[in-house]
PDB file of N, CA and C in Angstrom:
ATOM      1  N   MET A   1       5.052 -16.616  16.350  1.00  0.00           N
ATOM      2  CA  MET A   1       6.294 -16.390  15.662  1.00  0.00           C
ATOM      3  C   MET A   1       6.147 -15.226  14.676  1.00  0.00           C
ATOM      4  N   ILE A   2       5.043 -15.197  13.931  1.00  0.00           N
ATOM      5  CA  ILE A   2       4.807 -14.126  12.966  1.00  0.00           C
ATOM      6  C   ILE A   2       4.641 -12.793  13.703  1.00  0.00           C
ATOM      7  N   HIS A   3       3.852 -12.794  14.774  1.00  0.00           N
ATOM      8  CA  HIS A   3       3.642 -11.582  15.559  1.00  0.00           C
ATOM      9  C   HIS A   3       4.975 -11.034  16.072  1.00  0.00           C
ATOM     10  N   THR A   4       5.815 -11.878  16.601  1.00  0.00           N
ATOM     11  CA  THR A   4       7.105 -11.452  17.136  1.00  0.00           C
ATOM     12  C   THR A   4       8.000 -10.911  16.031  1.00  0.00           C
ATOM     13  N   ALA A   5       7.997 -11.557  14.883  1.00  0.00           N
ATOM     14  CA  ALA A   5       8.821 -11.091  13.759  1.00  0.00           C
ATOM     15  C   ALA A   5       8.384  -9.699  13.299  1.00  0.00           C
ATOM     16  N   PHE A   6       7.068  -9.466  13.217  1.00  0.00           N
ATOM     17  CA  PHE A   6       6.575  -8.135  12.856  1.00  0.00           C
ATOM     18  C   PHE A   6       6.924  -7.115  13.937  1.00  0.00           C
ATOM     19  N   ARG A   7       6.689  -7.475  15.174  1.00  0.00           N
ATOM     20  CA  ARG A   7       6.936  -6.550  16.275  1.00  0.00           C
ATOM     21  C   ARG A   7       8.403  -6.141  16.351  1.00  0.00           C
ATOM     22  N   LYS A   8       9.295  -7.063  16.064  1.00  0.00           N
ATOM     23  CA  LYS A   8      10.729  -6.770  16.106  1.00  0.00           C
ATOM     24  C   LYS A   8      11.250  -6.228  14.776  1.00  0.00           C
ATOM     25  N   ASN A   9      10.323  -6.001  13.844  1.00  0.00           N
ATOM     26  CA  ASN A   9      10.668  -5.421  12.542  1.00  0.00           C
ATOM     27  C   ASN A   9      11.660  -6.303  11.761  1.00  0.00           C
ATOM     28  N   LYS A  10      11.479  -7.597  11.844  1.00  0.00           N
ATOM     29  CA  LYS A  10      12.358  -8.552  11.166  1.00  0.00           C
ATOM     30  C   LYS A  10      11.852  -8.923   9.780  1.00  0.00           C
ATOM     31  N   LEU A  11      10.575  -8.695   9.499  1.00  0.00           N
ATOM     32  CA  LEU A  11      10.006  -9.023   8.197  1.00  0.00           C
ATOM     33  C   LEU A  11       9.957  -7.776   7.322  1.00  0.00           C
ATOM     34  N   THR A  12      10.251  -7.953   6.048  1.00  0.00           N
ATOM     35  CA  THR A  12      10.135  -6.836   5.114  1.00  0.00           C
ATOM     36  C   THR A  12       9.130  -7.199   4.025  1.00  0.00           C
ATOM     37  N   VAL A  13       9.552  -7.999   3.067  1.00  0.00           N
ATOM     38  CA  VAL A  13       8.679  -8.335   1.942  1.00  0.00           C
ATOM     39  C   VAL A  13       8.271  -9.813   1.930  1.00  0.00           C
ATOM     40  N   GLU A  14       8.531 -10.534   2.992  1.00  0.00           N
ATOM     41  CA  GLU A  14       8.257 -11.973   3.024  1.00  0.00           C
ATOM     42  C   GLU A  14       6.768 -12.307   3.033  1.00  0.00           C
ATOM     43  N   MET A  15       5.939 -11.444   3.570  1.00  0.00           N
ATOM     44  CA  MET A  15       4.495 -11.679   3.649  1.00  0.00           C
ATOM     45  C   MET A  15       3.768 -10.461   3.088  1.00  0.00           C
ATOM     46  N   PRO A  16       3.817 -10.277   1.775  1.00  0.00           N
ATOM     47  CA  PRO A  16       3.288  -9.036   1.195  1.00  0.00           C
ATOM     48  C   PRO A  16       1.792  -8.824   1.420  1.00  0.00           C
ATOM     49  N   SER A  17       0.990  -9.867   1.344  1.00  0.00           N
ATOM     50  CA  SER A  17      -0.452  -9.694   1.518  1.00  0.00           C
ATOM     51  C   SER A  17      -0.790  -9.174   2.904  1.00  0.00           C
ATOM     52  N   LEU A  18      -0.181  -9.745   3.893  1.00  0.00           N
ATOM     53  CA  LEU A  18      -0.418  -9.327   5.266  1.00  0.00           C
ATOM     54  C   LEU A  18       0.124  -7.928   5.519  1.00  0.00           C
ATOM     55  N   LEU A  19       1.320  -7.667   5.069  1.00  0.00           N
ATOM     56  CA  LEU A  19       1.962  -6.378   5.286  1.00  0.00           C
ATOM     57  C   LEU A  19       1.193  -5.238   4.626  1.00  0.00           C
ATOM     58  N   ILE A  20       0.822  -5.410   3.371  1.00  0.00           N
ATOM     59  CA  ILE A  20       0.148  -4.341   2.636  1.00  0.00           C
ATOM     60  C   ILE A  20      -1.260  -4.106   3.154  1.00  0.00           C
ATOM     61  N   SER A  21      -2.041  -5.161   3.336  1.00  0.00           N
ATOM     62  CA  SER A  21      -3.423  -4.960   3.791  1.00  0.00           C
ATOM     63  C   SER A  21      -3.470  -4.377   5.201  1.00  0.00           C
ATOM     64  N   ALA A  22      -2.649  -4.875   6.094  1.00  0.00           N
ATOM     65  CA  ALA A  22      -2.632  -4.336   7.465  1.00  0.00           C
ATOM     66  C   ALA A  22      -2.103  -2.905   7.484  1.00  0.00           C
ATOM     67  N   GLY A  23      -1.073  -2.644   6.701  1.00  0.00           N
ATOM     68  CA  GLY A  23      -0.503  -1.303   6.659  1.00  0.00           C
ATOM     69  C   GLY A  23      -1.458  -0.269   6.100  1.00  0.00           C
ATOM     70  N   LEU A  24      -2.112  -0.599   4.990  1.00  0.00           N
ATOM     71  CA  LEU A  24      -3.073   0.335   4.397  1.00  0.00           C
ATOM     72  C   LEU A  24      -4.257   0.570   5.322  1.00  0.00           C
ATOM     73  N   HIS A  25      -4.765  -0.488   5.911  1.00  0.00           N
ATOM     74  CA  HIS A  25      -5.899  -0.346   6.815  1.00  0.00           C
ATOM     75  C   HIS A  25      -5.520   0.524   8.015  1.00  0.00           C
ATOM     76  N   ALA A  26      -4.358   0.292   8.589  1.00  0.00           N
ATOM     77  CA  ALA A  26      -3.922   1.077   9.750  1.00  0.00           C
ATOM     78  C   ALA A  26      -3.720   2.543   9.370  1.00  0.00           C
ATOM     79  N   ALA A  27      -3.095   2.790   8.227  1.00  0.00           N
ATOM     80  CA  ALA A  27      -2.864   4.173   7.794  1.00  0.00           C
ATOM     81  C   ALA A  27      -4.184   4.881   7.527  1.00  0.00           C
ATOM     82  N   PHE A  28      -5.121   4.159   6.940  1.00  0.00           N
ATOM     83  CA  PHE A  28      -6.438   4.742   6.659  1.00  0.00           C
ATOM     84  C   PHE A  28      -7.155   5.090   7.956  1.00  0.00           C
ATOM     85  N   ARG A  29      -7.151   4.186   8.908  1.00  0.00           N
ATOM     86  CA  ARG A  29      -7.843   4.399  10.179  1.00  0.00           C
ATOM     87  C   ARG A  29      -7.143   5.456  11.040  1.00  0.00           C
ATOM     88  N   TRP A  30      -5.839   5.611  10.858  1.00  0.00           N
ATOM     89  CA  TRP A  30      -5.077   6.587  11.640  1.00  0.00           C
ATOM     90  C   TRP A  30      -5.528   8.007  11.320  1.00  0.00           C
ATOM     91  N   ASP A  31      -5.898   8.246  10.052  1.00  0.00           N
ATOM     92  CA  ASP A  31      -6.349   9.573   9.626  1.00  0.00           C
ATOM     93  C   ASP A  31      -7.825   9.726   9.993  1.00  0.00           C
ATOM     94  N   LYS A  32      -8.091  10.466  11.027  1.00  0.00           N
ATOM     95  CA  LYS A  32      -9.459  10.613  11.545  1.00  0.00           C
ATOM     96  C   LYS A  32     -10.386  11.341  10.572  1.00  0.00           C
ATOM     97  N   LYS A  33      -9.832  12.058   9.604  1.00  0.00           N
ATOM     98  CA  LYS A  33     -10.643  12.795   8.637  1.00  0.00           C
ATOM     99  C   LYS A  33     -11.205  11.897   7.539  1.00  0.00           C
ATOM    100  N   ARG A  34     -10.601  10.742   7.361  1.00  0.00           N
ATOM    101  CA  ARG A  34     -11.057   9.834   6.307  1.00  0.00           C
ATOM    102  C   ARG A  34     -12.286   9.062   6.758  1.00  0.00           C
ATOM    103  N   ILE A  35     -13.200   8.915   5.843  1.00  0.00           N
ATOM    104  CA  ILE A  35     -14.406   8.127   6.104  1.00  0.00           C
ATOM    105  C   ILE A  35     -14.266   6.812   5.358  1.00  0.00           C
ATOM    106  N   PHE A  36     -14.267   5.722   6.099  1.00  0.00           N
ATOM    107  CA  PHE A  36     -14.102   4.403   5.503  1.00  0.00           C
ATOM    108  C   PHE A  36     -15.378   3.990   4.801  1.00  0.00           C
ATOM    109  N   LYS A  37     -15.231   3.591   3.520  1.00  0.00           N
ATOM    110  CA  LYS A  37     -16.365   3.126   2.725  1.00  0.00           C
ATOM    111  C   LYS A  37     -16.142   1.660   2.364  1.00  0.00           C
ATOM    112  N   PRO A  38     -17.215   0.910   2.158  1.00  0.00           N
ATOM    113  CA  PRO A  38     -17.051  -0.510   1.810  1.00  0.00           C
ATOM    114  C   PRO A  38     -16.162  -0.732   0.580  1.00  0.00           C
ATOM    115  N   ASN A  39     -16.172   0.181  -0.371  1.00  0.00           N
ATOM    116  CA  ASN A  39     -15.353   0.027  -1.570  1.00  0.00           C
ATOM    117  C   ASN A  39     -13.857   0.122  -1.271  1.00  0.00           C
ATOM    118  N   ASP A  40     -13.497   0.701  -0.128  1.00  0.00           N
ATOM    119  CA  ASP A  40     -12.086   0.809   0.235  1.00  0.00           C
ATOM    120  C   ASP A  40     -11.445  -0.566   0.392  1.00  0.00           C
ATOM    121  N   TRP A  41     -12.229  -1.561   0.831  1.00  0.00           N
ATOM    122  CA  TRP A  41     -11.694  -2.924   0.923  1.00  0.00           C
ATOM    123  C   TRP A  41     -11.229  -3.411  -0.443  1.00  0.00           C
ATOM    124  N   HIS A  42     -12.010  -3.111  -1.475  1.00  0.00           N
ATOM    125  CA  HIS A  42     -11.640  -3.527  -2.832  1.00  0.00           C
ATOM    126  C   HIS A  42     -10.348  -2.840  -3.267  1.00  0.00           C
ATOM    127  N   ASP A  43     -10.218  -1.570  -2.931  1.00  0.00           N
ATOM    128  CA  ASP A  43      -8.989  -0.848  -3.265  1.00  0.00           C
ATOM    129  C   ASP A  43      -7.783  -1.473  -2.570  1.00  0.00           C
ATOM    130  N   PHE A  44      -7.944  -1.846  -1.322  1.00  0.00           N
ATOM    131  CA  PHE A  44      -6.845  -2.485  -0.597  1.00  0.00           C
ATOM    132  C   PHE A  44      -6.460  -3.811  -1.251  1.00  0.00           C
ATOM    133  N   HIS A  45      -7.462  -4.578  -1.668  1.00  0.00           N
ATOM    134  CA  HIS A  45      -7.183  -5.866  -2.317  1.00  0.00           C
ATOM    135  C   HIS A  45      -6.476  -5.671  -3.660  1.00  0.00           C
ATOM    136  N   HIS A  46      -6.848  -4.633  -4.386  1.00  0.00           N
ATOM    137  CA  HIS A  46      -6.150  -4.334  -5.644  1.00  0.00           C
ATOM    138  C   HIS A  46      -4.688  -4.001  -5.372  1.00  0.00           C
ATOM    139  N   ALA A  47      -4.448  -3.220  -4.328  1.00  0.00           N
ATOM    140  CA  ALA A  47      -3.070  -2.878  -3.964  1.00  0.00           C
ATOM    141  C   ALA A  47      -2.283  -4.127  -3.571  1.00  0.00           C
ATOM    142  N   VAL A  48      -2.901  -5.011  -2.803  1.00  0.00           N
ATOM    143  CA  VAL A  48      -2.242  -6.256  -2.392  1.00  0.00           C
ATOM    144  C   VAL A  48      -1.893  -7.107  -3.606  1.00  0.00           C
ATOM    145  N   ALA A  49      -2.780  -7.126  -4.595  1.00  0.00           N
ATOM    146  CA  ALA A  49      -2.546  -7.944  -5.791  1.00  0.00           C
ATOM    147  C   ALA A  49      -1.494  -7.338  -6.714  1.00  0.00           C
ATOM    148  N   ALA A  50      -1.353  -6.030  -6.714  1.00  0.00           N
ATOM    149  CA  ALA A  50      -0.466  -5.385  -7.678  1.00  0.00           C
ATOM    150  C   ALA A  50       0.913  -5.029  -7.133  1.00  0.00           C
ATOM    151  N   ILE A  51       0.979  -4.406  -5.998  1.00  0.00           N
ATOM    152  CA  ILE A  51       2.233  -3.811  -5.526  1.00  0.00           C
ATOM    153  C   ILE A  51       3.399  -4.794  -5.410  1.00  0.00           C
ATOM    154  N   PRO A  52       3.221  -5.981  -4.844  1.00  0.00           N
ATOM    155  CA  PRO A  52       4.381  -6.874  -4.728  1.00  0.00           C
ATOM    156  C   PRO A  52       4.815  -7.521  -6.048  1.00  0.00           C
ATOM    157  N   TYR A  53       3.938  -7.512  -7.049  1.00  0.00           N
ATOM    158  CA  TYR A  53       4.202  -8.299  -8.251  1.00  0.00           C
ATOM    159  C   TYR A  53       4.317  -7.486  -9.532  1.00  0.00           C
ATOM    160  N   CYS A  54       3.997  -6.209  -9.484  1.00  0.00           N
ATOM    161  CA  CYS A  54       3.989  -5.383 -10.694  1.00  0.00           C
ATOM    162  C   CYS A  54       4.972  -4.221 -10.568  1.00  0.00           C
ATOM    163  N   ASP A  55       5.388  -3.724 -11.710  1.00  0.00           N
ATOM    164  CA  ASP A  55       6.269  -2.563 -11.721  1.00  0.00           C
ATOM    165  C   ASP A  55       5.493  -1.271 -11.527  1.00  0.00           C
ATOM    166  N   TYR A  56       4.219  -1.259 -11.961  1.00  0.00           N
ATOM    167  CA  TYR A  56       3.388  -0.065 -11.887  1.00  0.00           C
ATOM    168  C   TYR A  56       2.019  -0.416 -11.303  1.00  0.00           C
ATOM    169  N   PHE A  57       1.497   0.506 -10.509  1.00  0.00           N
ATOM    170  CA  PHE A  57       0.163   0.355  -9.936  1.00  0.00           C
ATOM    171  C   PHE A  57      -0.587   1.646 -10.200  1.00  0.00           C
ATOM    172  N   LEU A  58      -1.651   1.551 -10.996  1.00  0.00           N
ATOM    173  CA  LEU A  58      -2.467   2.710 -11.340  1.00  0.00           C
ATOM    174  C   LEU A  58      -3.723   2.691 -10.488  1.00  0.00           C
ATOM    175  N   THR A  59      -3.960   3.774  -9.770  1.00  0.00           N
ATOM    176  CA  THR A  59      -5.090   3.823  -8.842  1.00  0.00           C
ATOM    177  C   THR A  59      -5.551   5.261  -8.672  1.00  0.00           C
ATOM    178  N   GLU A  60      -6.505   5.484  -7.782  1.00  0.00           N
ATOM    179  CA  GLU A  60      -6.970   6.855  -7.543  1.00  0.00           C
ATOM    180  C   GLU A  60      -6.010   7.564  -6.583  1.00  0.00           C
ATOM    181  N   HIS A  61      -6.179   8.875  -6.515  1.00  0.00           N
ATOM    182  CA  HIS A  61      -5.272   9.750  -5.779  1.00  0.00           C
ATOM    183  C   HIS A  61      -5.139   9.370  -4.300  1.00  0.00           C
ATOM    184  N   ASN A  62      -6.248   9.095  -3.634  1.00  0.00           N
ATOM    185  CA  ASN A  62      -6.207   8.799  -2.194  1.00  0.00           C
ATOM    186  C   ASN A  62      -5.418   7.536  -1.874  1.00  0.00           C
ATOM    187  N   LEU A  63      -5.623   6.493  -2.656  1.00  0.00           N
ATOM    188  CA  LEU A  63      -4.889   5.252  -2.412  1.00  0.00           C
ATOM    189  C   LEU A  63      -3.410   5.424  -2.762  1.00  0.00           C
ATOM    190  N   ARG A  64      -3.132   6.191  -3.798  1.00  0.00           N
ATOM    191  CA  ARG A  64      -1.730   6.462  -4.147  1.00  0.00           C
ATOM    192  C   ARG A  64      -1.026   7.138  -2.973  1.00  0.00           C
ATOM    193  N   ASN A  65      -1.708   8.096  -2.330  1.00  0.00           N
ATOM    194  CA  ASN A  65      -1.119   8.777  -1.178  1.00  0.00           C
ATOM    195  C   ASN A  65      -0.879   7.820  -0.013  1.00  0.00           C
ATOM    196  N   LEU A  66      -1.795   6.897   0.213  1.00  0.00           N
ATOM    197  CA  LEU A  66      -1.602   5.915   1.284  1.00  0.00           C
ATOM    198  C   LEU A  66      -0.410   5.006   0.992  1.00  0.00           C
ATOM    199  N   VAL A  67      -0.308   4.544  -0.247  1.00  0.00           N
ATOM    200  CA  VAL A  67       0.789   3.651  -0.634  1.00  0.00           C
ATOM    201  C   VAL A  67       2.135   4.356  -0.465  1.00  0.00           C
ATOM    202  N   ALA A  68       2.164   5.651  -0.768  1.00  0.00           N
ATOM    203  CA  ALA A  68       3.399   6.417  -0.682  1.00  0.00           C
ATOM    204  C   ALA A  68       3.630   7.026   0.700  1.00  0.00           C
ATOM    205  N   ASP A  69       2.752   6.755   1.650  1.00  0.00           N
ATOM    206  CA  ASP A  69       2.866   7.318   2.991  1.00  0.00           C
ATOM    207  C   ASP A  69       4.266   7.096   3.549  1.00  0.00           C
ATOM    208  N   LYS A  70       4.789   8.097   4.228  1.00  0.00           N
ATOM    209  CA  LYS A  70       6.168   8.033   4.739  1.00  0.00           C
ATOM    210  C   LYS A  70       6.384   6.891   5.730  1.00  0.00           C
ATOM    211  N   ASN A  71       5.337   6.455   6.391  1.00  0.00           N
ATOM    212  CA  ASN A  71       5.473   5.342   7.336  1.00  0.00           C
ATOM    213  C   ASN A  71       5.402   3.983   6.651  1.00  0.00           C
ATOM    214  N   LEU A  72       4.681   3.896   5.543  1.00  0.00           N
ATOM    215  CA  LEU A  72       4.528   2.614   4.844  1.00  0.00           C
ATOM    216  C   LEU A  72       5.606   2.402   3.786  1.00  0.00           C
ATOM    217  N   LYS A  73       5.787   3.372   2.921  1.00  0.00           N
ATOM    218  CA  LYS A  73       6.767   3.300   1.827  1.00  0.00           C
ATOM    219  C   LYS A  73       6.619   2.012   1.022  1.00  0.00           C
ATOM    220  N   LEU A  74       5.392   1.641   0.713  1.00  0.00           N
ATOM    221  CA  LEU A  74       5.148   0.377   0.026  1.00  0.00           C
ATOM    222  C   LEU A  74       5.732   0.353  -1.376  1.00  0.00           C
ATOM    223  N   GLY A  75       5.643   1.458  -2.078  1.00  0.00           N
ATOM    224  CA  GLY A  75       6.174   1.511  -3.434  1.00  0.00           C
ATOM    225  C   GLY A  75       7.667   1.249  -3.488  1.00  0.00           C
ATOM    226  N   SER A  76       8.407   1.884  -2.603  1.00  0.00           N
ATOM    227  CA  SER A  76       9.857   1.680  -2.605  1.00  0.00           C
ATOM    228  C   SER A  76      10.233   0.320  -2.022  1.00  0.00           C
ATOM    229  N   LEU A  77       9.469  -0.146  -1.064  1.00  0.00           N
ATOM    230  CA  LEU A  77       9.751  -1.446  -0.458  1.00  0.00           C
ATOM    231  C   LEU A  77       9.628  -2.568  -1.483  1.00  0.00           C
ATOM    232  N   PHE A  78       8.603  -2.479  -2.334  1.00  0.00           N
ATOM    233  CA  PHE A  78       8.363  -3.523  -3.328  1.00  0.00           C
ATOM    234  C   PHE A  78       8.792  -3.128  -4.734  1.00  0.00           C
ATOM    235  N   LYS A  79       9.433  -1.989  -4.872  1.00  0.00           N
ATOM    236  CA  LYS A  79       9.927  -1.504  -6.176  1.00  0.00           C
ATOM    237  C   LYS A  79       8.792  -1.391  -7.199  1.00  0.00           C
ATOM    238  N   CYS A  80       7.695  -0.784  -6.764  1.00  0.00           N
ATOM    239  CA  CYS A  80       6.524  -0.585  -7.618  1.00  0.00           C
ATOM    240  C   CYS A  80       6.167   0.893  -7.614  1.00  0.00           C
ATOM    241  N   GLN A  81       6.090   1.484  -8.800  1.00  0.00           N
ATOM    242  CA  GLN A  81       5.702   2.889  -8.908  1.00  0.00           C
ATOM    243  C   GLN A  81       4.181   2.983  -8.949  1.00  0.00           C
ATOM    244  N   THR A  82       3.646   3.878  -8.137  1.00  0.00           N
ATOM    245  CA  THR A  82       2.194   4.035  -8.060  1.00  0.00           C
ATOM    246  C   THR A  82       1.798   5.380  -8.624  1.00  0.00           C
ATOM    247  N   PHE A  83       0.838   5.363  -9.556  1.00  0.00           N
ATOM    248  CA  PHE A  83       0.388   6.573 -10.226  1.00  0.00           C
ATOM    249  C   PHE A  83      -1.115   6.733 -10.087  1.00  0.00           C
ATOM    250  N   SER A  84      -1.553   7.982 -10.010  1.00  0.00           N
ATOM    251  CA  SER A  84      -2.985   8.247 -10.030  1.00  0.00           C
ATOM    252  C   SER A  84      -3.371   9.051 -11.267  1.00  0.00           C
ATOM    253  N   ASP A  85      -2.387   9.546 -12.005  1.00  0.00           N
ATOM    254  CA  ASP A  85      -2.642  10.282 -13.244  1.00  0.00           C
ATOM    255  C   ASP A  85      -1.544   9.927 -14.236  1.00  0.00           C
ATOM    256  N   ALA A  86      -1.860   9.074 -15.174  1.00  0.00           N
ATOM    257  CA  ALA A  86      -0.861   8.597 -16.130  1.00  0.00           C
ATOM    258  C   ALA A  86      -0.307   9.721 -17.001  1.00  0.00           C
ATOM    259  N   LYS A  87      -1.079  10.780 -17.211  1.00  0.00           N
ATOM    260  CA  LYS A  87      -0.614  11.884 -18.040  1.00  0.00           C
ATOM    261  C   LYS A  87       0.515  12.665 -17.375  1.00  0.00           C
ATOM    262  N   LYS A  88       0.516  12.727 -16.056  1.00  0.00           N
ATOM    263  CA  LYS A  88       1.525  13.496 -15.332  1.00  0.00           C
ATOM    264  C   LYS A  88       2.781  12.704 -15.031  1.00  0.00           C
ATOM    265  N   GLN A  89       2.765  11.401 -15.237  1.00  0.00           N
ATOM    266  CA  GLN A  89       3.898  10.549 -14.894  1.00  0.00           C
ATOM    267  C   GLN A  89       4.489   9.933 -16.161  1.00  0.00           C
ATOM    268  N   SER A  90       5.774   9.740 -16.119  1.00  0.00           N
ATOM    269  CA  SER A  90       6.410   8.988 -17.203  1.00  0.00           C
ATOM    270  C   SER A  90       6.875   7.664 -16.634  1.00  0.00           C
ATOM    271  N   MET A  91       6.478   6.595 -17.258  1.00  0.00           N
ATOM    272  CA  MET A  91       6.846   5.259 -16.806  1.00  0.00           C
ATOM    273  C   MET A  91       8.087   4.824 -17.548  1.00  0.00           C
ATOM    274  N   HIS A  92       9.186   4.684 -16.825  1.00  0.00           N
ATOM    275  CA  HIS A  92      10.462   4.287 -17.429  1.00  0.00           C
ATOM    276  C   HIS A  92      10.623   2.800 -17.358  1.00  0.00           C
TER     277      HIS A  92
END
C-alpha cells in the first residue's frame, strides 16, 4: 500500500522520515561526482529530524543544495528554510 501510494505520487508530507531519507539518498547517489562518506548518513538523519518539524535548518553547503534540489523541494514542501551561512541569510 505504501509503495503504491509513493509510486502514484499520492503521499506528500504524511511520512516525512521515509520521504526525506530516501529522497536525499537518491539525490546524492544520482550525482556521480559525489563521493558518499559514512558521515553523510548522519547528515541525512539530521535533515530528517529537523526539516519536518523546524522552521529553520542550519547545515553545510552540500546538504543545503540537496535539500533545495529542484526534484526534492524539501524546504518548500515542509515549510522549512535551510541555510548554510547564517551571515548571508535573514531569518524572518
